[in-house]
Every structure is written in structure tokens, then in C-alpha cells.
Amino acid sequence: MSEVLTSEWGGLNPHLLATFWEVDRNGKPIGSDVIVQAPLSESNLSMTQNWQSPFENVGQSNLPTLQQLLQSGAGLALAGKADAATGADTKKLLALVEGKSSVTKLNSTQVWSGSPPAKWQITAVFRAWKDPKKEVEDPVDQLAQWHLPKYLAKDGILLSGLDAGTVFPSTVPSILAIKYKNRTYSPVVIESFDYPTNSPINADGEYVELSVPMTIATLTSIDVGDWKSFSNK
């Protein structure tokens, strides 16, 4: 049976509680049966797609000053003087391109060049009714432990590697799953974790309330299949 670290929330709708637990890179639960639950006072999921216009300067990079003169009509005065000296009629030809541009829909077309992992800005809320350690400090400590590396070798790679028998002596932070409002986001990591040390305490110095801002990031970029897999329906 899982150990639930949370505050007492009475009859609060369970869909308003975010549930955190440790998983592997495939989203399968691992490690201890500890889960953390908390309502979120702030929650905003942001997904970014990188679109670029690689053809933006095609047709404009060669002789750009000349193109600007032709489009603005400023080159007509120069052409008039040249025609007077040579007897040519270039001014009439240049007048045909006044107000024209080499920009087209083709050379302004955007192409997709990838996307970073999705980011989720949340604030988890904990407050104590009976036991500050159990309802506030224990669940926040567990989130902090999931955020931090599990182990960092004290010495350099060579010394630590000789002791551990590997060139990778340290252990990275935990990978998590988060269930919130009929969706399960997995696998994700806690990218940033703020510990509000100015929060109120009781007479014993224990925090009675902590609102913890975190940035959650998906482990990889996500596609349509991943988005559909988030839904529990």
C-alpha cells in the first residue's frame, strides 16, 4: 500500500489534488510506494514549437541597396541623369518596378525546426491542521529529494570512477509522473524548485504552511501521441 504524503484537505474534490510519484523513463512506477499529493494554486502548461523562415532573405540579399532604391522610386532620379547623358530610356524601365518587391509567400514560408520539452509552471500548496511535520515538511522534503540528484560523487571522474568501477559515478535526479484533473503527465522531471523559507512556522520552528513553486518539464519533446496518452479518459 502506498504511503501518501499530503496535508489534510477534508472534502476537497480529488481532481483538484495533484499526485506525484516516481517512475522510470517509460513511465512505469519504480522505487518506494511513496506519493505526494497537493492542490495547485498556480498551474500553466506551456508548449512551444520552433518555426523559422529559412527563405526569408532569398532574392533580397544580393544588392539590397539597389533593390531598396528601385522599390522606393529613389533610383528614378539617378536613371534620369544617366539617360540624359547616354540617350537611353532606363528611367521608363525602372518605373515599372517602383513599388514592387521580391518578397513572396514562398520565401516567407515558415518551416518547423523542432520543439523543446513542454514546461509546466505550478505552485503546490501544503498547510497543517494537526501535524506540521507530517502535513507540510515531509511532503515538501520528498519533492525536494525528487528534484535533486540522487548522488553526486565527491571526487573527480578519474578517482570516483576507479572507486565505483565506472566513468559515471553520480546518479541523476528522479523521473516522475503527475496526475492532475483527469490527465497523467509522464515521464516528467522537476526542473526548478523554490523553497519559500519566509513561510510561517509554529512555536517549535516547524513550517505550518508552504506554497512551493516548481517548473515541471517533460523528459522529451512531445507529439500528438504523447498528448493523447496524457488523458486518462
Protein backbone atom coordinates (compact mmCIF):
# COMPACT_ATOMS: atom_id res chain seq x y z
CA MET A 1 0.00 0.00 0.00
CA SER A 2 1.34 3.45 -0.96
CA GLU A 3 2.41 5.98 1.66
CA VAL A 4 0.60 9.24 0.92
CA LEU A 5 2.37 12.43 1.98
CA THR A 6 -0.14 15.27 1.99
CA SER A 7 -1.98 17.82 4.09
CA GLU A 8 -5.48 17.29 5.46
CA TRP A 9 -7.88 18.65 2.83
CA GLY A 10 -11.20 17.28 4.11
CA GLY A 11 -13.82 17.01 1.39
CA LEU A 12 -11.79 18.70 -1.36
CA ASN A 13 -12.57 17.27 -4.79
CA PRO A 14 -9.80 14.70 -5.55
CA HIS A 15 -9.48 16.08 -9.09
CA LEU A 16 -8.08 19.26 -7.52
CA LEU A 17 -5.21 17.35 -5.93
CA ALA A 18 -2.06 16.79 -7.97
CA THR A 19 -0.44 13.41 -7.29
CA PHE A 20 3.32 12.90 -7.74
CA TRP A 21 5.16 9.56 -7.85
CA GLU A 22 8.47 8.21 -9.14
CA VAL A 23 8.63 6.34 -12.47
CA ASP A 24 11.22 5.09 -14.96
CA ARG A 25 11.84 6.56 -18.42
CA ASN A 26 8.90 4.58 -19.77
CA GLY A 27 6.51 5.91 -17.15
CA LYS A 28 6.35 2.74 -15.04
CA PRO A 29 6.32 3.18 -11.23
CA ILE A 30 9.63 2.39 -9.52
CA GLY A 31 11.28 2.83 -6.17
CA SER A 32 9.28 3.13 -2.97
CA ASP A 33 5.49 3.35 -2.85
CA VAL A 34 5.61 6.99 -1.72
CA ILE A 35 3.31 9.50 -3.37
CA VAL A 36 2.86 13.21 -2.70
CA GLN A 37 -0.47 14.99 -3.09
CA ALA A 38 -1.22 18.71 -3.06
CA PRO A 39 -3.65 21.19 -4.61
CA LEU A 40 -2.14 23.63 -7.08
CA SER A 41 -2.72 27.34 -6.63
CA GLU A 42 -0.96 28.06 -9.93
CA SER A 43 -0.89 25.77 -12.93
CA ASN A 44 0.02 26.62 -16.52
CA LEU A 45 1.29 24.20 -19.17
CA SER A 46 3.29 25.80 -21.97
CA MET A 47 4.21 24.08 -25.26
CA THR A 48 6.46 25.77 -27.83
CA GLN A 49 7.07 24.88 -31.47
CA ASN A 50 10.07 26.33 -33.30
CA TRP A 51 9.07 27.77 -36.69
CA GLN A 52 11.62 29.55 -38.86
CA SER A 53 11.65 31.29 -42.25
CA PRO A 54 14.85 29.98 -43.85
CA PHE A 55 13.99 31.55 -47.23
CA GLU A 56 13.29 34.97 -45.75
CA ASN A 57 16.21 36.73 -47.45
CA VAL A 58 16.14 34.82 -50.73
CA GLY A 59 16.09 37.33 -53.56
CA GLN A 60 16.87 40.24 -51.23
CA SER A 61 20.40 39.56 -50.06
CA ASN A 62 22.00 40.41 -53.42
CA LEU A 63 22.45 44.14 -53.99
CA PRO A 64 19.98 45.07 -51.20
CA THR A 65 20.64 48.82 -51.56
CA LEU A 66 19.80 48.68 -55.27
CA GLN A 67 16.54 46.86 -54.55
CA GLN A 68 15.56 49.47 -51.98
CA LEU A 69 16.25 52.27 -54.48
CA LEU A 70 14.13 50.56 -57.12
CA GLN A 71 11.20 49.81 -54.81
CA SER A 72 11.11 53.29 -53.32
CA GLY A 73 11.48 55.00 -56.69
CA ALA A 74 14.58 56.85 -55.48
CA GLY A 75 16.54 55.36 -58.34
CA LEU A 76 14.47 57.18 -60.94
CA ALA A 77 16.36 60.45 -60.40
CA LEU A 78 19.67 58.72 -60.98
CA ALA A 79 18.27 56.98 -64.06
CA GLY A 80 17.06 60.30 -65.43
CA LYS A 81 20.54 61.81 -65.24
CA ALA A 82 22.05 58.67 -66.80
CA ASP A 83 19.52 58.79 -69.65
CA ALA A 84 20.30 62.44 -70.34
CA ALA A 85 23.96 61.55 -70.71
CA THR A 86 23.55 58.34 -72.71
CA GLY A 87 20.29 58.86 -74.57
CA ALA A 88 18.90 55.60 -73.14
CA ASP A 89 15.43 55.13 -71.64
CA THR A 90 16.24 53.21 -68.42
CA LYS A 91 14.07 55.58 -66.38
CA LYS A 92 10.99 54.16 -68.06
CA LEU A 93 12.11 50.61 -67.33
CA LEU A 94 12.89 51.39 -63.69
CA ALA A 95 9.46 52.96 -63.28
CA LEU A 96 7.96 49.53 -63.92
CA VAL A 97 9.45 48.12 -60.69
CA GLU A 98 8.60 51.08 -58.47
CA GLY A 99 6.51 49.83 -55.55
CA LYS A 100 7.36 46.20 -56.34
CA SER A 101 9.10 43.69 -54.05
CA SER A 102 10.86 40.34 -54.36
CA VAL A 103 9.17 39.06 -51.17
CA THR A 104 6.72 36.25 -51.94
CA LYS A 105 4.73 33.73 -49.96
CA LEU A 106 7.36 31.15 -50.87
CA ASN A 107 10.35 32.99 -49.44
CA SER A 108 8.35 33.96 -46.34
CA THR A 109 7.11 30.39 -45.69
CA GLN A 110 7.91 29.05 -42.24
CA VAL A 111 9.24 25.54 -41.73
CA TRP A 112 9.12 23.55 -38.49
CA SER A 113 12.57 23.00 -36.99
CA GLY A 114 11.71 21.13 -33.78
CA SER A 115 10.35 21.79 -30.31
CA PRO A 116 11.72 21.88 -26.77
CA PRO A 117 10.13 19.81 -23.98
CA ALA A 118 6.84 21.17 -22.63
CA LYS A 119 7.10 23.27 -19.46
CA TRP A 120 4.57 23.33 -16.64
CA GLN A 121 4.63 26.13 -14.07
CA ILE A 122 2.88 25.03 -10.88
CA THR A 123 2.66 26.00 -7.22
CA ALA A 124 1.92 23.13 -4.81
CA VAL A 125 0.24 24.14 -1.54
CA PHE A 126 0.75 22.47 1.83
CA ARG A 127 -0.66 23.57 5.18
CA ALA A 128 -1.06 21.92 8.58
CA TRP A 129 -4.20 21.33 10.61
CA LYS A 130 -2.74 18.88 13.16
CA ASP A 131 0.84 17.82 12.41
CA PRO A 132 3.15 20.32 10.62
CA LYS A 133 5.88 17.76 10.05
CA LYS A 134 3.59 15.14 8.55
CA GLU A 135 1.35 17.51 6.58
CA VAL A 136 3.89 20.10 5.38
CA GLU A 137 7.55 19.31 5.88
CA ASP A 138 7.54 15.61 4.93
CA PRO A 139 5.80 16.00 1.55
CA VAL A 140 7.90 19.07 0.63
CA ASP A 141 11.08 17.25 1.63
CA GLN A 142 10.09 14.37 -0.64
CA LEU A 143 9.57 16.73 -3.59
CA ALA A 144 12.98 18.29 -2.91
CA GLN A 145 14.59 14.84 -2.88
CA TRP A 146 12.98 14.01 -6.23
CA HIS A 147 14.29 17.30 -7.64
CA LEU A 148 17.91 16.84 -6.51
CA PRO A 149 20.48 14.38 -7.90
CA LYS A 150 20.29 11.07 -6.05
CA TYR A 151 24.05 11.09 -5.63
CA LEU A 152 26.96 13.29 -6.68
CA ALA A 153 30.45 11.80 -6.48
CA LYS A 154 32.76 13.85 -4.27
CA ASP A 155 35.94 13.40 -6.31
CA GLY A 156 36.69 13.91 -9.98
CA ILE A 157 35.71 11.46 -12.69
CA LEU A 158 39.01 9.55 -12.58
CA LEU A 159 39.12 8.96 -8.81
CA SER A 160 35.40 8.41 -8.43
CA GLY A 161 35.38 6.19 -11.50
CA LEU A 162 38.14 3.99 -10.10
CA ASP A 163 36.26 3.60 -6.81
CA ALA A 164 32.90 2.94 -8.45
CA GLY A 165 34.24 0.99 -11.42
CA THR A 166 32.57 3.34 -13.91
CA VAL A 167 33.17 6.71 -15.54
CA PHE A 168 29.65 7.71 -14.49
CA PRO A 169 29.88 7.69 -10.66
CA SER A 170 26.97 10.08 -10.00
CA THR A 171 23.22 9.39 -10.16
CA VAL A 172 20.77 11.79 -11.81
CA PRO A 173 17.52 13.10 -10.23
CA SER A 174 14.28 11.15 -10.25
CA ILE A 175 11.82 10.95 -13.11
CA LEU A 176 8.20 11.44 -12.10
CA ALA A 177 4.60 11.11 -13.16
CA ILE A 178 1.99 13.69 -12.17
CA LYS A 179 -1.75 13.11 -12.22
CA TYR A 180 -3.94 16.21 -12.22
CA LYS A 181 -7.52 16.79 -13.37
CA ASN A 182 -8.03 13.56 -15.36
CA ARG A 183 -4.59 13.75 -17.00
CA THR A 184 -1.37 11.94 -16.16
CA TYR A 185 1.79 13.67 -17.34
CA SER A 186 4.64 11.17 -17.60
CA PRO A 187 7.60 10.99 -17.73
CA VAL A 188 8.46 14.43 -16.36
CA VAL A 189 11.16 16.00 -14.18
CA ILE A 190 11.23 18.82 -11.65
CA GLU A 191 13.39 21.34 -13.47
CA SER A 192 13.28 24.07 -10.81
CA PHE A 193 12.16 24.00 -7.18
CA ASP A 194 11.65 27.02 -4.90
CA TYR A 195 11.62 26.62 -1.13
CA PRO A 196 9.89 29.67 0.44
CA THR A 197 11.89 29.97 3.67
CA ASN A 198 9.91 33.04 4.81
CA SER A 199 6.75 30.94 5.27
CA PRO A 200 5.02 30.90 8.69
CA ILE A 201 6.15 28.49 11.42
CA ASN A 202 4.82 27.31 14.77
CA ALA A 203 6.41 27.71 18.20
CA ASP A 204 8.67 24.71 17.52
CA GLY A 205 10.05 26.20 14.28
CA GLU A 206 8.10 23.83 12.03
CA TYR A 207 6.52 25.19 8.88
CA VAL A 208 2.75 25.29 9.13
CA GLU A 209 2.30 26.41 5.53
CA LEU A 210 4.41 26.16 2.37
CA SER A 211 3.50 27.15 -1.18
CA VAL A 212 6.14 25.59 -3.41
CA PRO A 213 6.64 26.98 -6.95
CA MET A 214 8.05 24.42 -9.38
CA THR A 215 8.82 24.14 -13.07
CA ILE A 216 7.95 20.72 -14.43
CA ALA A 217 9.36 19.67 -17.81
CA THR A 218 8.55 16.67 -19.97
CA LEU A 219 11.53 14.37 -20.41
CA THR A 220 11.45 14.81 -24.20
CA SER A 221 9.62 16.85 -26.80
CA ILE A 222 6.05 15.64 -27.09
CA ASP A 223 3.99 14.75 -30.14
CA VAL A 224 0.29 14.08 -30.76
CA GLY A 225 0.59 10.53 -29.43
CA ASP A 226 2.11 11.76 -26.18
CA TRP A 227 -0.60 14.39 -25.79
CA LYS A 228 -3.30 11.76 -26.25
CA SER A 229 -1.58 9.44 -23.76
CA PHE A 230 -1.80 12.14 -21.07
CA SER A 231 -5.59 11.80 -21.00
CA ASN A 232 -7.00 9.25 -18.56
CA LYS A 233 -10.37 9.12 -20.31
